[in-house]
Amino acid sequence: MNRIIKKDLQESISITNYAIKNQIKTIEGIAEVIIDCLERGNKVILFGNGGSAADAQHIAAELIGRFEKNRKALAAISLTTNTSIISAIANDFGYSHVFSKQIEGLGQAGDVAIGISTSGSSKNVLEALKKARQLGLATVGFCGKASKAIFKVSDLTLSVNSLRTCRIQEMHIKIGHIICGLVEKALLNEK
């Protein structure tokens, strides 16, 4: 058991080190897009499936409530929380449209749409990012190493250097937290 624990922790450290060496500019770019959006009075819209749905909700909660500082609520919404909307759209239009129909109804030019998919190929996430682009939203994709499709529909893509869902998800939330901190500091005019 000790060997497995060490191996998993080393794998996580290796993925974090890859991000330090290769993804700082992408993380900064995502934070800047969100900061610009919120400064203009627009909103951040997040979505994903399974654990990625929980990550979308978590990041939205950090922006609306607070991350580390008491401050004015920031405009963010997770499209994964209204089961009536999700089940109605899935029933009437198909599951691949559960997020794109919500983007169509809630998204406005100047907003930021963040699609989270460990595979980077979840059809409902891709369809929502396509719809967001059509409507003039900035698009951001969070995915894992094997992803290719999400790059085609995202202005900025954060690809975690792993094929393991658990490692991808832990990096998504780690980087989501970093982005929330950068956004909060910028909007509070802190260095």
N, C-alpha and C. Protein backbone atom coordinates (compact mmCIF):
# COMPACT_ATOMS: atom_id res chain seq x y z
N MET A 1 0.82 -1.19 0.00
CA MET A 1 0.00 0.00 0.00
C MET A 1 0.87 1.27 0.00
N ASN A 2 1.93 1.26 0.77
CA ASN A 2 2.85 2.40 0.87
C ASN A 2 3.40 2.76 -0.50
N ARG A 3 3.77 1.75 -1.29
CA ARG A 3 4.32 1.96 -2.62
C ARG A 3 3.29 2.61 -3.55
N ILE A 4 2.05 2.22 -3.46
CA ILE A 4 0.98 2.78 -4.29
C ILE A 4 0.75 4.25 -3.94
N ILE A 5 0.73 4.54 -2.65
CA ILE A 5 0.53 5.93 -2.21
C ILE A 5 1.66 6.82 -2.73
N LYS A 6 2.90 6.35 -2.58
CA LYS A 6 4.04 7.13 -3.07
C LYS A 6 3.97 7.33 -4.58
N LYS A 7 3.62 6.28 -5.29
CA LYS A 7 3.52 6.36 -6.76
C LYS A 7 2.47 7.38 -7.18
N ASP A 8 1.30 7.34 -6.56
CA ASP A 8 0.24 8.30 -6.90
C ASP A 8 0.64 9.73 -6.58
N LEU A 9 1.27 9.94 -5.43
CA LEU A 9 1.72 11.29 -5.08
C LEU A 9 2.80 11.77 -6.04
N GLN A 10 3.73 10.89 -6.42
CA GLN A 10 4.78 11.27 -7.38
C GLN A 10 4.18 11.60 -8.74
N GLU A 11 3.17 10.85 -9.14
CA GLU A 11 2.51 11.12 -10.42
C GLU A 11 1.86 12.50 -10.41
N SER A 12 1.21 12.83 -9.32
CA SER A 12 0.57 14.14 -9.17
C SER A 12 1.61 15.26 -9.20
N ILE A 13 2.72 15.04 -8.53
CA ILE A 13 3.81 16.04 -8.53
C ILE A 13 4.36 16.22 -9.93
N SER A 14 4.53 15.14 -10.65
CA SER A 14 5.06 15.20 -12.02
C SER A 14 4.14 16.01 -12.94
N ILE A 15 2.83 15.81 -12.80
CA ILE A 15 1.86 16.55 -13.62
C ILE A 15 1.88 18.03 -13.24
N THR A 16 2.01 18.32 -11.95
CA THR A 16 2.11 19.72 -11.50
C THR A 16 3.38 20.35 -12.05
N ASN A 17 4.49 19.63 -12.01
CA ASN A 17 5.75 20.17 -12.54
C ASN A 17 5.65 20.43 -14.05
N TYR A 18 4.94 19.58 -14.77
CA TYR A 18 4.71 19.81 -16.20
C TYR A 18 3.96 21.13 -16.39
N ALA A 19 2.94 21.35 -15.58
CA ALA A 19 2.17 22.60 -15.67
C ALA A 19 3.04 23.81 -15.38
N ILE A 20 3.93 23.69 -14.40
CA ILE A 20 4.83 24.80 -14.06
C ILE A 20 5.73 25.13 -15.24
N LYS A 21 6.22 24.12 -15.91
CA LYS A 21 7.16 24.33 -17.02
C LYS A 21 6.48 24.73 -18.32
N ASN A 22 5.23 24.29 -18.53
CA ASN A 22 4.64 24.41 -19.86
C ASN A 22 3.31 25.14 -19.95
N GLN A 23 2.66 25.44 -18.83
CA GLN A 23 1.29 25.93 -18.93
C GLN A 23 1.01 27.25 -18.21
N ILE A 24 2.02 27.91 -17.74
CA ILE A 24 1.83 29.18 -17.02
C ILE A 24 1.13 30.20 -17.92
N LYS A 25 1.58 30.33 -19.16
CA LYS A 25 0.98 31.31 -20.09
C LYS A 25 -0.49 31.00 -20.35
N THR A 26 -0.83 29.74 -20.49
CA THR A 26 -2.23 29.37 -20.71
C THR A 26 -3.08 29.72 -19.48
N ILE A 27 -2.57 29.41 -18.30
CA ILE A 27 -3.31 29.72 -17.07
C ILE A 27 -3.48 31.22 -16.93
N GLU A 28 -2.42 31.98 -17.19
CA GLU A 28 -2.52 33.45 -17.15
C GLU A 28 -3.54 33.94 -18.18
N GLY A 29 -3.52 33.37 -19.37
CA GLY A 29 -4.45 33.78 -20.42
C GLY A 29 -5.90 33.55 -20.02
N ILE A 30 -6.17 32.39 -19.42
CA ILE A 30 -7.53 32.09 -18.97
C ILE A 30 -7.95 33.09 -17.89
N ALA A 31 -7.07 33.34 -16.93
CA ALA A 31 -7.39 34.31 -15.87
C ALA A 31 -7.67 35.69 -16.46
N GLU A 32 -6.85 36.11 -17.42
CA GLU A 32 -7.05 37.43 -18.04
C GLU A 32 -8.37 37.53 -18.78
N VAL A 33 -8.77 36.48 -19.49
CA VAL A 33 -10.05 36.48 -20.19
C VAL A 33 -11.20 36.61 -19.20
N ILE A 34 -11.11 35.90 -18.09
CA ILE A 34 -12.15 35.96 -17.06
C ILE A 34 -12.18 37.35 -16.41
N ILE A 35 -11.02 37.88 -16.08
CA ILE A 35 -10.94 39.21 -15.47
C ILE A 35 -11.57 40.25 -16.39
N ASP A 36 -11.19 40.24 -17.66
CA ASP A 36 -11.76 41.19 -18.64
C ASP A 36 -13.27 41.05 -18.71
N CYS A 37 -13.74 39.82 -18.76
CA CYS A 37 -15.18 39.55 -18.83
C CYS A 37 -15.91 40.16 -17.62
N LEU A 38 -15.41 39.88 -16.44
CA LEU A 38 -16.07 40.35 -15.22
C LEU A 38 -15.97 41.87 -15.07
N GLU A 39 -14.85 42.44 -15.49
CA GLU A 39 -14.72 43.91 -15.42
C GLU A 39 -15.72 44.60 -16.35
N ARG A 40 -16.10 43.95 -17.43
CA ARG A 40 -17.09 44.51 -18.36
C ARG A 40 -18.53 44.28 -17.90
N GLY A 41 -18.70 43.55 -16.82
CA GLY A 41 -20.05 43.27 -16.33
C GLY A 41 -20.67 42.02 -16.92
N ASN A 42 -19.87 41.19 -17.55
CA ASN A 42 -20.36 39.93 -18.11
C ASN A 42 -20.20 38.81 -17.08
N LYS A 43 -20.47 37.59 -17.50
CA LYS A 43 -20.46 36.45 -16.58
C LYS A 43 -19.64 35.28 -17.11
N VAL A 44 -19.29 34.39 -16.19
CA VAL A 44 -18.57 33.16 -16.50
C VAL A 44 -19.58 32.01 -16.39
N ILE A 45 -19.63 31.18 -17.45
CA ILE A 45 -20.56 30.06 -17.51
C ILE A 45 -19.73 28.78 -17.58
N LEU A 46 -19.94 27.86 -16.63
CA LEU A 46 -19.15 26.64 -16.56
C LEU A 46 -20.04 25.41 -16.71
N PHE A 47 -19.48 24.33 -17.27
CA PHE A 47 -20.24 23.09 -17.45
C PHE A 47 -19.31 21.91 -17.69
N GLY A 48 -19.78 20.73 -17.37
CA GLY A 48 -19.05 19.48 -17.56
C GLY A 48 -19.90 18.33 -17.07
N ASN A 49 -19.43 17.11 -17.27
CA ASN A 49 -20.16 15.90 -16.88
C ASN A 49 -19.48 15.20 -15.70
N GLY A 50 -20.26 14.52 -14.86
CA GLY A 50 -19.70 13.73 -13.77
C GLY A 50 -18.86 14.56 -12.83
N GLY A 51 -17.60 14.14 -12.60
CA GLY A 51 -16.69 14.88 -11.74
C GLY A 51 -16.42 16.28 -12.28
N SER A 52 -16.45 16.42 -13.60
CA SER A 52 -16.25 17.74 -14.21
C SER A 52 -17.44 18.65 -13.93
N ALA A 53 -18.64 18.08 -13.77
CA ALA A 53 -19.81 18.87 -13.36
C ALA A 53 -19.58 19.42 -11.96
N ALA A 54 -19.05 18.57 -11.09
CA ALA A 54 -18.75 19.02 -9.72
C ALA A 54 -17.68 20.10 -9.74
N ASP A 55 -16.68 19.96 -10.62
CA ASP A 55 -15.64 20.98 -10.73
C ASP A 55 -16.22 22.30 -11.23
N ALA A 56 -17.13 22.24 -12.20
CA ALA A 56 -17.79 23.45 -12.71
C ALA A 56 -18.54 24.15 -11.58
N GLN A 57 -19.28 23.40 -10.80
CA GLN A 57 -20.02 23.95 -9.67
C GLN A 57 -19.08 24.55 -8.63
N HIS A 58 -17.99 23.85 -8.36
CA HIS A 58 -17.01 24.28 -7.36
C HIS A 58 -16.40 25.63 -7.76
N ILE A 59 -15.95 25.74 -9.00
CA ILE A 59 -15.33 26.98 -9.46
C ILE A 59 -16.35 28.12 -9.47
N ALA A 60 -17.57 27.85 -9.91
CA ALA A 60 -18.61 28.88 -9.89
C ALA A 60 -18.86 29.35 -8.46
N ALA A 61 -18.88 28.42 -7.51
CA ALA A 61 -19.10 28.78 -6.11
C ALA A 61 -17.97 29.66 -5.57
N GLU A 62 -16.73 29.37 -5.96
CA GLU A 62 -15.59 30.18 -5.52
C GLU A 62 -15.71 31.61 -6.04
N LEU A 63 -16.19 31.76 -7.28
CA LEU A 63 -16.33 33.09 -7.87
C LEU A 63 -17.51 33.85 -7.27
N ILE A 64 -18.62 33.19 -7.09
CA ILE A 64 -19.81 33.87 -6.56
C ILE A 64 -19.65 34.18 -5.07
N GLY A 65 -19.27 33.21 -4.30
CA GLY A 65 -19.15 33.39 -2.85
C GLY A 65 -17.91 34.17 -2.51
N ARG A 66 -16.84 33.46 -2.42
CA ARG A 66 -15.51 34.05 -2.22
C ARG A 66 -14.51 32.93 -2.41
N PHE A 67 -13.31 33.33 -2.76
CA PHE A 67 -12.22 32.36 -2.81
C PHE A 67 -11.43 32.49 -1.51
N GLU A 68 -10.71 33.58 -1.36
CA GLU A 68 -9.99 33.80 -0.11
C GLU A 68 -10.36 35.12 0.57
N LYS A 69 -11.02 36.00 -0.14
CA LYS A 69 -11.33 37.34 0.38
C LYS A 69 -12.83 37.58 0.38
N ASN A 70 -13.30 38.28 1.40
CA ASN A 70 -14.68 38.76 1.38
C ASN A 70 -14.74 39.90 0.37
N ARG A 71 -15.65 39.81 -0.57
CA ARG A 71 -15.75 40.80 -1.64
C ARG A 71 -17.12 40.65 -2.30
N LYS A 72 -17.39 41.56 -3.21
CA LYS A 72 -18.62 41.50 -3.98
C LYS A 72 -18.66 40.18 -4.77
N ALA A 73 -19.83 39.61 -4.88
CA ALA A 73 -20.00 38.37 -5.66
C ALA A 73 -19.65 38.62 -7.12
N LEU A 74 -18.98 37.64 -7.72
CA LEU A 74 -18.64 37.71 -9.13
C LEU A 74 -19.64 36.88 -9.92
N ALA A 75 -20.00 37.33 -11.11
CA ALA A 75 -21.04 36.70 -11.91
C ALA A 75 -20.53 35.39 -12.52
N ALA A 76 -21.02 34.27 -11.99
CA ALA A 76 -20.65 32.95 -12.49
C ALA A 76 -21.83 32.02 -12.30
N ILE A 77 -21.97 31.07 -13.22
CA ILE A 77 -23.05 30.11 -13.14
C ILE A 77 -22.57 28.76 -13.66
N SER A 78 -23.02 27.70 -13.02
CA SER A 78 -22.75 26.36 -13.50
C SER A 78 -24.02 25.82 -14.13
N LEU A 79 -23.92 25.30 -15.34
CA LEU A 79 -25.08 24.78 -16.06
C LEU A 79 -25.44 23.36 -15.66
N THR A 80 -24.78 22.84 -14.64
CA THR A 80 -24.97 21.44 -14.27
C THR A 80 -25.92 21.24 -13.09
N THR A 81 -26.54 22.31 -12.61
CA THR A 81 -27.25 22.22 -11.33
C THR A 81 -28.76 22.12 -11.43
N ASN A 82 -29.36 22.46 -12.56
CA ASN A 82 -30.82 22.47 -12.66
C ASN A 82 -31.29 21.20 -13.36
N THR A 83 -31.70 20.23 -12.55
CA THR A 83 -32.08 18.92 -13.12
C THR A 83 -33.33 19.01 -13.99
N SER A 84 -34.22 19.94 -13.72
CA SER A 84 -35.41 20.09 -14.56
C SER A 84 -35.02 20.53 -15.97
N ILE A 85 -34.12 21.50 -16.05
CA ILE A 85 -33.65 21.97 -17.37
C ILE A 85 -32.89 20.86 -18.08
N ILE A 86 -31.96 20.22 -17.38
CA ILE A 86 -31.15 19.18 -18.00
C ILE A 86 -32.02 18.03 -18.51
N SER A 87 -32.96 17.55 -17.69
CA SER A 87 -33.78 16.42 -18.11
C SER A 87 -34.76 16.80 -19.22
N ALA A 88 -35.28 18.02 -19.20
CA ALA A 88 -36.19 18.46 -20.27
C ALA A 88 -35.44 18.56 -21.60
N ILE A 89 -34.27 19.17 -21.59
CA ILE A 89 -33.49 19.29 -22.82
C ILE A 89 -33.06 17.92 -23.32
N ALA A 90 -32.57 17.07 -22.41
CA ALA A 90 -32.15 15.72 -22.81
C ALA A 90 -33.30 14.95 -23.42
N ASN A 91 -34.48 15.06 -22.84
CA ASN A 91 -35.66 14.37 -23.34
C ASN A 91 -36.11 14.91 -24.69
N ASP A 92 -36.14 16.24 -24.82
CA ASP A 92 -36.72 16.85 -26.02
C ASP A 92 -35.72 17.02 -27.16
N PHE A 93 -34.44 17.18 -26.86
CA PHE A 93 -33.45 17.48 -27.91
C PHE A 93 -32.28 16.50 -27.94
N GLY A 94 -32.12 15.70 -26.89
CA GLY A 94 -30.99 14.78 -26.80
C GLY A 94 -29.95 15.30 -25.83
N TYR A 95 -29.24 14.38 -25.20
CA TYR A 95 -28.27 14.74 -24.17
C TYR A 95 -27.14 15.61 -24.70
N SER A 96 -26.84 15.50 -25.97
CA SER A 96 -25.74 16.30 -26.53
C SER A 96 -26.05 17.80 -26.53
N HIS A 97 -27.29 18.18 -26.23
CA HIS A 97 -27.69 19.59 -26.25
C HIS A 97 -27.97 20.17 -24.85
N VAL A 98 -27.69 19.40 -23.78
CA VAL A 98 -28.06 19.88 -22.44
C VAL A 98 -27.34 21.18 -22.05
N PHE A 99 -26.16 21.41 -22.58
CA PHE A 99 -25.44 22.65 -22.27
C PHE A 99 -25.61 23.69 -23.36
N SER A 100 -25.65 23.27 -24.62
CA SER A 100 -25.74 24.25 -25.72
C SER A 100 -27.06 25.02 -25.68
N LYS A 101 -28.15 24.36 -25.31
CA LYS A 101 -29.44 25.06 -25.20
C LYS A 101 -29.40 26.08 -24.06
N GLN A 102 -28.71 25.74 -22.98
CA GLN A 102 -28.59 26.69 -21.87
C GLN A 102 -27.69 27.87 -22.26
N ILE A 103 -26.62 27.60 -23.00
CA ILE A 103 -25.77 28.68 -23.51
C ILE A 103 -26.59 29.58 -24.41
N GLU A 104 -27.42 28.98 -25.26
CA GLU A 104 -28.27 29.76 -26.16
C GLU A 104 -29.20 30.69 -25.38
N GLY A 105 -29.72 30.22 -24.27
CA GLY A 105 -30.66 31.01 -23.48
C GLY A 105 -30.00 31.99 -22.52
N LEU A 106 -28.82 31.66 -22.01
CA LEU A 106 -28.19 32.47 -20.97
C LEU A 106 -26.95 33.22 -21.41
N GLY A 107 -26.29 32.74 -22.46
CA GLY A 107 -25.02 33.33 -22.88
C GLY A 107 -25.21 34.60 -23.68
N GLN A 108 -24.29 35.54 -23.48
CA GLN A 108 -24.28 36.79 -24.23
C GLN A 108 -22.87 37.07 -24.69
N ALA A 109 -22.75 37.77 -25.81
CA ALA A 109 -21.43 38.16 -26.29
C ALA A 109 -20.68 38.85 -25.16
N GLY A 110 -19.43 38.49 -24.97
CA GLY A 110 -18.63 39.06 -23.89
C GLY A 110 -18.52 38.15 -22.68
N ASP A 111 -19.43 37.17 -22.55
CA ASP A 111 -19.33 36.19 -21.47
C ASP A 111 -18.19 35.22 -21.77
N VAL A 112 -17.82 34.42 -20.79
CA VAL A 112 -16.83 33.36 -20.97
C VAL A 112 -17.51 32.03 -20.70
N ALA A 113 -17.38 31.09 -21.64
CA ALA A 113 -17.90 29.73 -21.47
C ALA A 113 -16.71 28.81 -21.21
N ILE A 114 -16.78 28.08 -20.09
CA ILE A 114 -15.71 27.14 -19.72
C ILE A 114 -16.28 25.74 -19.73
N GLY A 115 -15.85 24.93 -20.70
CA GLY A 115 -16.26 23.54 -20.82
C GLY A 115 -15.19 22.63 -20.25
N ILE A 116 -15.59 21.76 -19.33
CA ILE A 116 -14.64 20.87 -18.66
C ILE A 116 -14.96 19.43 -19.07
N SER A 117 -13.97 18.76 -19.65
CA SER A 117 -14.13 17.38 -20.12
C SER A 117 -12.79 16.67 -20.02
N THR A 118 -12.69 15.66 -19.16
CA THR A 118 -11.41 14.97 -19.02
C THR A 118 -10.97 14.36 -20.34
N SER A 119 -11.91 13.85 -21.13
CA SER A 119 -11.56 13.26 -22.43
C SER A 119 -11.36 14.33 -23.49
N GLY A 120 -11.99 15.49 -23.30
CA GLY A 120 -11.95 16.54 -24.31
C GLY A 120 -12.83 16.25 -25.50
N SER A 121 -13.63 15.20 -25.40
CA SER A 121 -14.48 14.82 -26.53
C SER A 121 -15.94 14.61 -26.15
N SER A 122 -16.35 15.07 -24.99
CA SER A 122 -17.76 14.96 -24.58
C SER A 122 -18.61 15.79 -25.52
N LYS A 123 -19.52 15.13 -26.22
CA LYS A 123 -20.28 15.81 -27.27
C LYS A 123 -21.06 17.01 -26.73
N ASN A 124 -21.66 16.87 -25.55
CA ASN A 124 -22.45 17.99 -25.02
C ASN A 124 -21.57 19.19 -24.65
N VAL A 125 -20.35 18.95 -24.21
CA VAL A 125 -19.42 20.04 -23.91
C VAL A 125 -18.97 20.71 -25.20
N LEU A 126 -18.64 19.90 -26.21
CA LEU A 126 -18.21 20.44 -27.51
C LEU A 126 -19.32 21.25 -28.17
N GLU A 127 -20.54 20.75 -28.13
CA GLU A 127 -21.69 21.47 -28.72
C GLU A 127 -21.91 22.81 -28.03
N ALA A 128 -21.75 22.83 -26.71
CA ALA A 128 -21.93 24.08 -25.96
C ALA A 128 -20.84 25.09 -26.30
N LEU A 129 -19.61 24.62 -26.45
CA LEU A 129 -18.52 25.53 -26.81
C LEU A 129 -18.72 26.06 -28.23
N LYS A 130 -19.20 25.22 -29.13
CA LYS A 130 -19.51 25.68 -30.50
C LYS A 130 -20.58 26.76 -30.47
N LYS A 131 -21.64 26.51 -29.73
CA LYS A 131 -22.73 27.48 -29.61
C LYS A 131 -22.23 28.78 -28.99
N ALA A 132 -21.39 28.67 -27.97
CA ALA A 132 -20.83 29.85 -27.32
C ALA A 132 -20.04 30.69 -28.32
N ARG A 133 -19.23 30.05 -29.13
CA ARG A 133 -18.48 30.78 -30.16
C ARG A 133 -19.41 31.49 -31.13
N GLN A 134 -20.45 30.81 -31.56
CA GLN A 134 -21.42 31.41 -32.49
C GLN A 134 -22.04 32.66 -31.90
N LEU A 135 -22.23 32.68 -30.59
CA LEU A 135 -22.88 33.80 -29.92
C LEU A 135 -21.91 34.89 -29.47
N GLY A 136 -20.62 34.69 -29.70
CA GLY A 136 -19.63 35.71 -29.35
C GLY A 136 -19.08 35.61 -27.94
N LEU A 137 -19.18 34.45 -27.32
CA LEU A 137 -18.59 34.24 -26.01
C LEU A 137 -17.14 33.80 -26.20
N ALA A 138 -16.27 34.16 -25.28
CA ALA A 138 -14.93 33.59 -25.25
C ALA A 138 -15.07 32.14 -24.79
N THR A 139 -14.30 31.23 -25.38
CA THR A 139 -14.42 29.82 -25.04
C THR A 139 -13.12 29.29 -24.45
N VAL A 140 -13.27 28.54 -23.35
CA VAL A 140 -12.15 27.94 -22.65
C VAL A 140 -12.46 26.46 -22.46
N GLY A 141 -11.50 25.61 -22.77
CA GLY A 141 -11.65 24.17 -22.55
C GLY A 141 -10.65 23.68 -21.52
N PHE A 142 -11.11 22.83 -20.62
CA PHE A 142 -10.24 22.11 -19.68
C PHE A 142 -10.35 20.64 -20.09
N CYS A 143 -9.21 19.97 -20.28
CA CYS A 143 -9.25 18.58 -20.73
C CYS A 143 -8.01 17.84 -20.25
N GLY A 144 -7.88 16.59 -20.71
CA GLY A 144 -6.71 15.77 -20.43
C GLY A 144 -5.85 15.62 -21.67
N LYS A 145 -4.80 14.84 -21.54
CA LYS A 145 -3.76 14.70 -22.56
C LYS A 145 -4.27 14.16 -23.89
N ALA A 146 -5.20 13.25 -23.90
CA ALA A 146 -5.63 12.59 -25.13
C ALA A 146 -6.56 13.44 -25.98
N SER A 147 -6.87 14.61 -25.51
CA SER A 147 -7.87 15.46 -26.15
C SER A 147 -7.38 16.09 -27.43
N LYS A 148 -8.27 16.17 -28.41
CA LYS A 148 -7.98 16.91 -29.63
C LYS A 148 -9.18 17.76 -30.04
N ALA A 149 -10.37 17.20 -29.92
CA ALA A 149 -11.58 17.88 -30.39
C ALA A 149 -11.83 19.20 -29.68
N ILE A 150 -11.58 19.27 -28.40
CA ILE A 150 -11.89 20.47 -27.63
C ILE A 150 -11.02 21.66 -28.06
N PHE A 151 -9.82 21.38 -28.58
CA PHE A 151 -8.95 22.46 -29.06
C PHE A 151 -9.59 23.22 -30.23
N LYS A 152 -10.40 22.53 -31.02
CA LYS A 152 -11.03 23.14 -32.19
C LYS A 152 -12.14 24.12 -31.84
N VAL A 153 -12.69 24.01 -30.63
CA VAL A 153 -13.82 24.86 -30.25
C VAL A 153 -13.50 25.78 -29.07
N SER A 154 -12.24 25.80 -28.64
CA SER A 154 -11.82 26.63 -27.51
C SER A 154 -10.81 27.67 -27.95
N ASP A 155 -11.01 28.90 -27.49
CA ASP A 155 -10.01 29.95 -27.73
C ASP A 155 -8.75 29.66 -26.92
N LEU A 156 -8.93 29.16 -25.71
CA LEU A 156 -7.83 28.75 -24.83
C LEU A 156 -8.15 27.36 -24.30
N THR A 157 -7.15 26.49 -24.28
CA THR A 157 -7.36 25.13 -23.79
C THR A 157 -6.28 24.77 -22.80
N LEU A 158 -6.71 24.32 -21.63
CA LEU A 158 -5.81 23.81 -20.62
C LEU A 158 -5.86 22.28 -20.69
N SER A 159 -4.80 21.67 -21.18
CA SER A 159 -4.73 20.22 -21.32
C SER A 159 -3.80 19.66 -20.27
N VAL A 160 -4.33 18.89 -19.34
CA VAL A 160 -3.54 18.28 -18.27
C VAL A 160 -2.75 17.12 -18.86
N ASN A 161 -1.48 17.04 -18.51
CA ASN A 161 -0.57 16.03 -19.07
C ASN A 161 -0.75 14.67 -18.38
N SER A 162 -1.94 14.10 -18.58
CA SER A 162 -2.23 12.78 -18.00
C SER A 162 -3.37 12.14 -18.78
N LEU A 163 -3.40 10.81 -18.74
CA LEU A 163 -4.52 10.05 -19.32
C LEU A 163 -5.45 9.53 -18.22
N ARG A 164 -5.07 9.71 -16.96
CA ARG A 164 -5.87 9.20 -15.84
C ARG A 164 -6.89 10.24 -15.40
N THR A 165 -8.14 9.86 -15.42
CA THR A 165 -9.23 10.78 -15.07
C THR A 165 -9.02 11.42 -13.71
N CYS A 166 -8.63 10.64 -12.72
CA CYS A 166 -8.46 11.20 -11.37
C CYS A 166 -7.38 12.27 -11.33
N ARG A 167 -6.27 12.05 -12.03
CA ARG A 167 -5.19 13.06 -12.06
C ARG A 167 -5.63 14.30 -12.84
N ILE A 168 -6.36 14.10 -13.94
CA ILE A 168 -6.85 15.22 -14.73
C ILE A 168 -7.78 16.09 -13.88
N GLN A 169 -8.73 15.44 -13.18
CA GLN A 169 -9.69 16.17 -12.38
C GLN A 169 -9.02 16.93 -11.23
N GLU A 170 -8.03 16.31 -10.59
CA GLU A 170 -7.39 17.03 -9.47
C GLU A 170 -6.61 18.23 -9.99
N MET A 171 -6.03 18.15 -11.18
CA MET A 171 -5.34 19.31 -11.75
C MET A 171 -6.34 20.38 -12.19
N HIS A 172 -7.48 19.96 -12.72
CA HIS A 172 -8.50 20.94 -13.11
C HIS A 172 -8.90 21.79 -11.92
N ILE A 173 -9.14 21.16 -10.79
CA ILE A 173 -9.57 21.94 -9.63
C ILE A 173 -8.40 22.73 -9.05
N LYS A 174 -7.19 22.17 -9.09
CA LYS A 174 -6.02 22.91 -8.61
C LYS A 174 -5.81 24.17 -9.44
N ILE A 175 -5.86 24.03 -10.76
CA ILE A 175 -5.67 25.18 -11.63
C ILE A 175 -6.88 26.11 -11.56
N GLY A 176 -8.08 25.55 -11.40
CA GLY A 176 -9.27 26.38 -11.18
C GLY A 176 -9.10 27.27 -9.97
N HIS A 177 -8.53 26.71 -8.90
CA HIS A 177 -8.27 27.51 -7.69
C HIS A 177 -7.24 28.60 -7.96
N ILE A 178 -6.21 28.27 -8.69
CA ILE A 178 -5.19 29.28 -9.03
C ILE A 178 -5.84 30.42 -9.81
N ILE A 179 -6.66 30.07 -10.78
CA ILE A 179 -7.34 31.08 -11.59
C ILE A 179 -8.27 31.93 -10.72
N CYS A 180 -9.03 31.31 -9.83
CA CYS A 180 -9.90 32.07 -8.93
C CYS A 180 -9.09 33.06 -8.09
N GLY A 181 -7.93 32.63 -7.61
CA GLY A 181 -7.07 33.53 -6.84
C GLY A 181 -6.57 34.70 -7.67
N LEU A 182 -6.16 34.43 -8.91
CA LEU A 182 -5.69 35.50 -9.79
C LEU A 182 -6.82 36.49 -10.10
N VAL A 183 -8.01 35.97 -10.36
CA VAL A 183 -9.16 36.82 -10.65
C VAL A 183 -9.49 37.68 -9.44
N GLU A 184 -9.56 37.07 -8.29
CA GLU A 184 -9.90 37.80 -7.07
C GLU A 184 -8.88 38.90 -6.79
N LYS A 185 -7.61 38.59 -6.88
CA LYS A 185 -6.56 39.59 -6.62
C LYS A 185 -6.64 40.75 -7.63
N ALA A 186 -6.85 40.41 -8.88
CA ALA A 186 -6.93 41.47 -9.92
C ALA A 186 -8.13 42.37 -9.70
N LEU A 187 -9.27 41.80 -9.36
CA LEU A 187 -10.47 42.60 -9.19
C LEU A 187 -10.46 43.39 -7.89
N LEU A 188 -9.63 42.98 -6.95
CA LEU A 188 -9.45 43.72 -5.71
C LEU A 188 -8.21 44.63 -5.80
N ASN A 189 -7.62 44.70 -6.99
CA ASN A 189 -6.41 45.51 -7.25
C ASN A 189 -5.26 45.16 -6.32
N GLU A 190 -5.06 43.86 -6.10
CA GLU A 190 -3.94 43.39 -5.29
C GLU A 190 -2.86 42.83 -6.21
N LYS A 191 -1.64 42.90 -5.79
CA LYS A 191 -0.51 42.34 -6.59
C LYS A 191 -0.27 40.91 -6.17
